[in-house]
Amino acid sequence: MGNTPFNLVFKALADGTRRRILELLREKDLTAGEIAAHFAISKPSISHHLGILKQANLVSDERQGQNIVYSLNTTVFQEALAWLLELAGTGMEDGPAPPKNPLRETGDRER
């Protein structure tokens, strides 16, 4: 997956606070202070979470004047999704595989 190891991506996604930060950044780019306003944790904790997200390339940052503005990096999500779909046996261009009916596979009849 590009230059980002999977373990960094999945570690970053494993934490609920970081997933919520990603949801906020999906809506619009934000500064660390704007992100922190949505949480009842310290600004240094938010900075720690942003650092992990940056290390996994899930977010990028850009200095705008005195502020650092964070934005979502959708490329890594697309790469991870493509890998997961490939692992599941389907490609993104084909869409998800249809769900299997476990009753038909065992020979039982549907009722």
C-alpha atoms as a PDB file:
ATOM      1  CA  MET A   1       0.000   0.000   0.000  1.00  0.00           C
ATOM      2  CA  GLY A   2       2.058   2.906  -1.210  1.00  0.00           C
ATOM      3  CA  ASN A   3       4.702   3.982   1.312  1.00  0.00           C
ATOM      4  CA  THR A   4       2.514   3.473   4.388  1.00  0.00           C
ATOM      5  CA  PRO A   5       2.788   0.110   6.165  1.00  0.00           C
ATOM      6  CA  PHE A   6      -0.570  -1.476   6.940  1.00  0.00           C
ATOM      7  CA  ASN A   7       0.261  -1.840  10.625  1.00  0.00           C
ATOM      8  CA  LEU A   8       0.490   1.961  11.012  1.00  0.00           C
ATOM      9  CA  VAL A   9      -2.861   2.463   9.283  1.00  0.00           C
ATOM     10  CA  PHE A  10      -4.684  -0.170  11.304  1.00  0.00           C
ATOM     11  CA  LYS A  11      -3.079   0.999  14.561  1.00  0.00           C
ATOM     12  CA  ALA A  12      -4.283   4.526  13.819  1.00  0.00           C
ATOM     13  CA  LEU A  13      -7.786   3.311  12.964  1.00  0.00           C
ATOM     14  CA  ALA A  14      -8.014   1.141  16.094  1.00  0.00           C
ATOM     15  CA  ASP A  15      -8.603   4.129  18.372  1.00  0.00           C
ATOM     16  CA  GLY A  16     -12.061   5.706  18.679  1.00  0.00           C
ATOM     17  CA  THR A  17     -10.732   9.227  19.220  1.00  0.00           C
ATOM     18  CA  ARG A  18      -8.676   9.021  16.041  1.00  0.00           C
ATOM     19  CA  ARG A  19     -11.645   7.665  14.080  1.00  0.00           C
ATOM     20  CA  ARG A  20     -13.732  10.613  15.327  1.00  0.00           C
ATOM     21  CA  ILE A  21     -10.984  13.036  14.247  1.00  0.00           C
ATOM     22  CA  LEU A  22     -11.091  11.471  10.780  1.00  0.00           C
ATOM     23  CA  GLU A  23     -14.877  11.902  10.691  1.00  0.00           C
ATOM     24  CA  LEU A  24     -14.476  15.591  11.556  1.00  0.00           C
ATOM     25  CA  LEU A  25     -11.846  16.041   8.852  1.00  0.00           C
ATOM     26  CA  ARG A  26     -14.119  14.335   6.341  1.00  0.00           C
ATOM     27  CA  GLU A  27     -16.454  17.316   6.737  1.00  0.00           C
ATOM     28  CA  LYS A  28     -13.775  20.022   6.412  1.00  0.00           C
ATOM     29  CA  ASP A  29     -10.143  20.869   7.091  1.00  0.00           C
ATOM     30  CA  LEU A  30      -9.507  21.951  10.692  1.00  0.00           C
ATOM     31  CA  THR A  31      -6.778  23.264  12.976  1.00  0.00           C
ATOM     32  CA  ALA A  32      -5.750  21.263  16.046  1.00  0.00           C
ATOM     33  CA  GLY A  33      -7.622  23.766  18.235  1.00  0.00           C
ATOM     34  CA  GLU A  34     -10.803  23.344  16.202  1.00  0.00           C
ATOM     35  CA  ILE A  35     -10.475  19.573  16.471  1.00  0.00           C
ATOM     36  CA  ALA A  36      -9.813  19.778  20.227  1.00  0.00           C
ATOM     37  CA  ALA A  37     -13.031  21.763  20.719  1.00  0.00           C
ATOM     38  CA  HIS A  38     -14.967  18.571  19.887  1.00  0.00           C
ATOM     39  CA  PHE A  39     -13.330  16.520  22.652  1.00  0.00           C
ATOM     40  CA  ALA A  40     -13.085  16.551  26.434  1.00  0.00           C
ATOM     41  CA  ILE A  41      -9.368  15.749  26.355  1.00  0.00           C
ATOM     42  CA  SER A  42      -6.284  17.969  26.442  1.00  0.00           C
ATOM     43  CA  LYS A  43      -4.784  19.664  23.405  1.00  0.00           C
ATOM     44  CA  PRO A  44      -1.534  17.697  23.861  1.00  0.00           C
ATOM     45  CA  SER A  45      -3.594  14.485  23.651  1.00  0.00           C
ATOM     46  CA  ILE A  46      -5.186  15.711  20.417  1.00  0.00           C
ATOM     47  CA  SER A  47      -1.707  16.533  19.083  1.00  0.00           C
ATOM     48  CA  HIS A  48      -0.571  13.006  19.983  1.00  0.00           C
ATOM     49  CA  HIS A  49      -3.512  11.496  18.058  1.00  0.00           C
ATOM     50  CA  LEU A  50      -2.853  13.789  15.090  1.00  0.00           C
ATOM     51  CA  GLY A  51       0.784  12.668  15.107  1.00  0.00           C
ATOM     52  CA  ILE A  52      -0.241   9.020  14.859  1.00  0.00           C
ATOM     53  CA  LEU A  53      -2.688   9.849  12.046  1.00  0.00           C
ATOM     54  CA  LYS A  54       0.057  11.777  10.224  1.00  0.00           C
ATOM     55  CA  GLN A  55       2.538   8.924  10.671  1.00  0.00           C
ATOM     56  CA  ALA A  56       0.001   6.607   9.015  1.00  0.00           C
ATOM     57  CA  ASN A  57      -0.514   9.181   6.225  1.00  0.00           C
ATOM     58  CA  LEU A  58      -4.234   9.311   7.017  1.00  0.00           C
ATOM     59  CA  VAL A  59      -4.047  13.083   7.495  1.00  0.00           C
ATOM     60  CA  SER A  60      -1.816  15.779   6.087  1.00  0.00           C
ATOM     61  CA  ASP A  61      -1.047  19.195   7.466  1.00  0.00           C
ATOM     62  CA  GLU A  62      -0.318  22.564   5.919  1.00  0.00           C
ATOM     63  CA  ARG A  63       0.838  25.740   7.590  1.00  0.00           C
ATOM     64  CA  GLN A  64      -1.495  28.661   6.921  1.00  0.00           C
ATOM     65  CA  GLY A  65      -0.101  31.719   8.649  1.00  0.00           C
ATOM     66  CA  GLN A  66       0.258  30.893  12.334  1.00  0.00           C
ATOM     67  CA  ASN A  67      -2.052  27.875  12.080  1.00  0.00           C
ATOM     68  CA  ILE A  68      -1.487  24.314  10.970  1.00  0.00           C
ATOM     69  CA  VAL A  69      -4.535  23.030   9.121  1.00  0.00           C
ATOM     70  CA  TYR A  70      -5.185  19.289   8.993  1.00  0.00           C
ATOM     71  CA  SER A  71      -6.952  17.524   6.148  1.00  0.00           C
ATOM     72  CA  LEU A  72      -7.975  13.971   5.323  1.00  0.00           C
ATOM     73  CA  ASN A  73      -5.745  11.988   2.953  1.00  0.00           C
ATOM     74  CA  THR A  74      -8.234   9.803   1.087  1.00  0.00           C
ATOM     75  CA  THR A  75      -5.542   8.068  -0.993  1.00  0.00           C
ATOM     76  CA  VAL A  76      -4.496   5.846   1.910  1.00  0.00           C
ATOM     77  CA  PHE A  77      -8.137   4.899   2.565  1.00  0.00           C
ATOM     78  CA  GLN A  78      -8.564   3.948  -1.093  1.00  0.00           C
ATOM     79  CA  GLU A  79      -5.402   1.832  -0.998  1.00  0.00           C
ATOM     80  CA  ALA A  80      -6.478   0.085   2.216  1.00  0.00           C
ATOM     81  CA  LEU A  81      -9.967  -0.553   0.846  1.00  0.00           C
ATOM     82  CA  ALA A  82      -8.547  -1.953  -2.398  1.00  0.00           C
ATOM     83  CA  TRP A  83      -6.305  -4.299  -0.400  1.00  0.00           C
ATOM     84  CA  LEU A  84      -9.187  -5.430   1.831  1.00  0.00           C
ATOM     85  CA  LEU A  85     -11.434  -6.057  -1.174  1.00  0.00           C
ATOM     86  CA  GLU A  86      -8.653  -7.985  -2.886  1.00  0.00           C
ATOM     87  CA  LEU A  87      -8.191 -10.024   0.268  1.00  0.00           C
ATOM     88  CA  ALA A  88     -11.932 -10.721   0.291  1.00  0.00           C
ATOM     89  CA  GLY A  89     -11.706 -11.917  -3.293  1.00  0.00           C
ATOM     90  CA  THR A  90     -13.182  -8.997  -5.178  1.00  0.00           C
ATOM     91  CA  GLY A  91     -11.776  -5.868  -6.787  1.00  0.00           C
ATOM     92  CA  MET A  92     -13.069  -2.341  -6.204  1.00  0.00           C
ATOM     93  CA  GLU A  93     -14.007  -2.011  -9.867  1.00  0.00           C
ATOM     94  CA  ASP A  94     -16.338  -4.992  -9.534  1.00  0.00           C
ATOM     95  CA  GLY A  95     -17.954  -3.806  -6.318  1.00  0.00           C
ATOM     96  CA  PRO A  96     -18.395  -6.015  -3.285  1.00  0.00           C
ATOM     97  CA  ALA A  97     -19.057  -9.703  -3.787  1.00  0.00           C
ATOM     98  CA  PRO A  98     -22.681 -10.718  -3.258  1.00  0.00           C
ATOM     99  CA  PRO A  99     -23.338 -12.144   0.198  1.00  0.00           C
ATOM    100  CA  LYS A 100     -23.207 -15.902   0.400  1.00  0.00           C
ATOM    101  CA  ASN A 101     -26.262 -17.760   1.576  1.00  0.00           C
ATOM    102  CA  PRO A 102     -25.033 -20.252   4.186  1.00  0.00           C
ATOM    103  CA  LEU A 103     -28.193 -22.349   3.843  1.00  0.00           C
ATOM    104  CA  ARG A 104     -27.522 -23.040   0.175  1.00  0.00           C
ATOM    105  CA  GLU A 105     -23.915 -23.967   0.821  1.00  0.00           C
ATOM    106  CA  THR A 106     -24.896 -26.635   3.356  1.00  0.00           C
ATOM    107  CA  GLY A 107     -27.605 -28.057   1.153  1.00  0.00           C
ATOM    108  CA  ASP A 108     -30.423 -26.971   3.489  1.00  0.00           C
ATOM    109  CA  ARG A 109     -33.479 -25.412   1.950  1.00  0.00           C
ATOM    110  CA  GLU A 110     -34.622 -21.899   2.637  1.00  0.00           C
ATOM    111  CA  ARG A 111     -38.003 -21.665   4.288  1.00  0.00           C
END
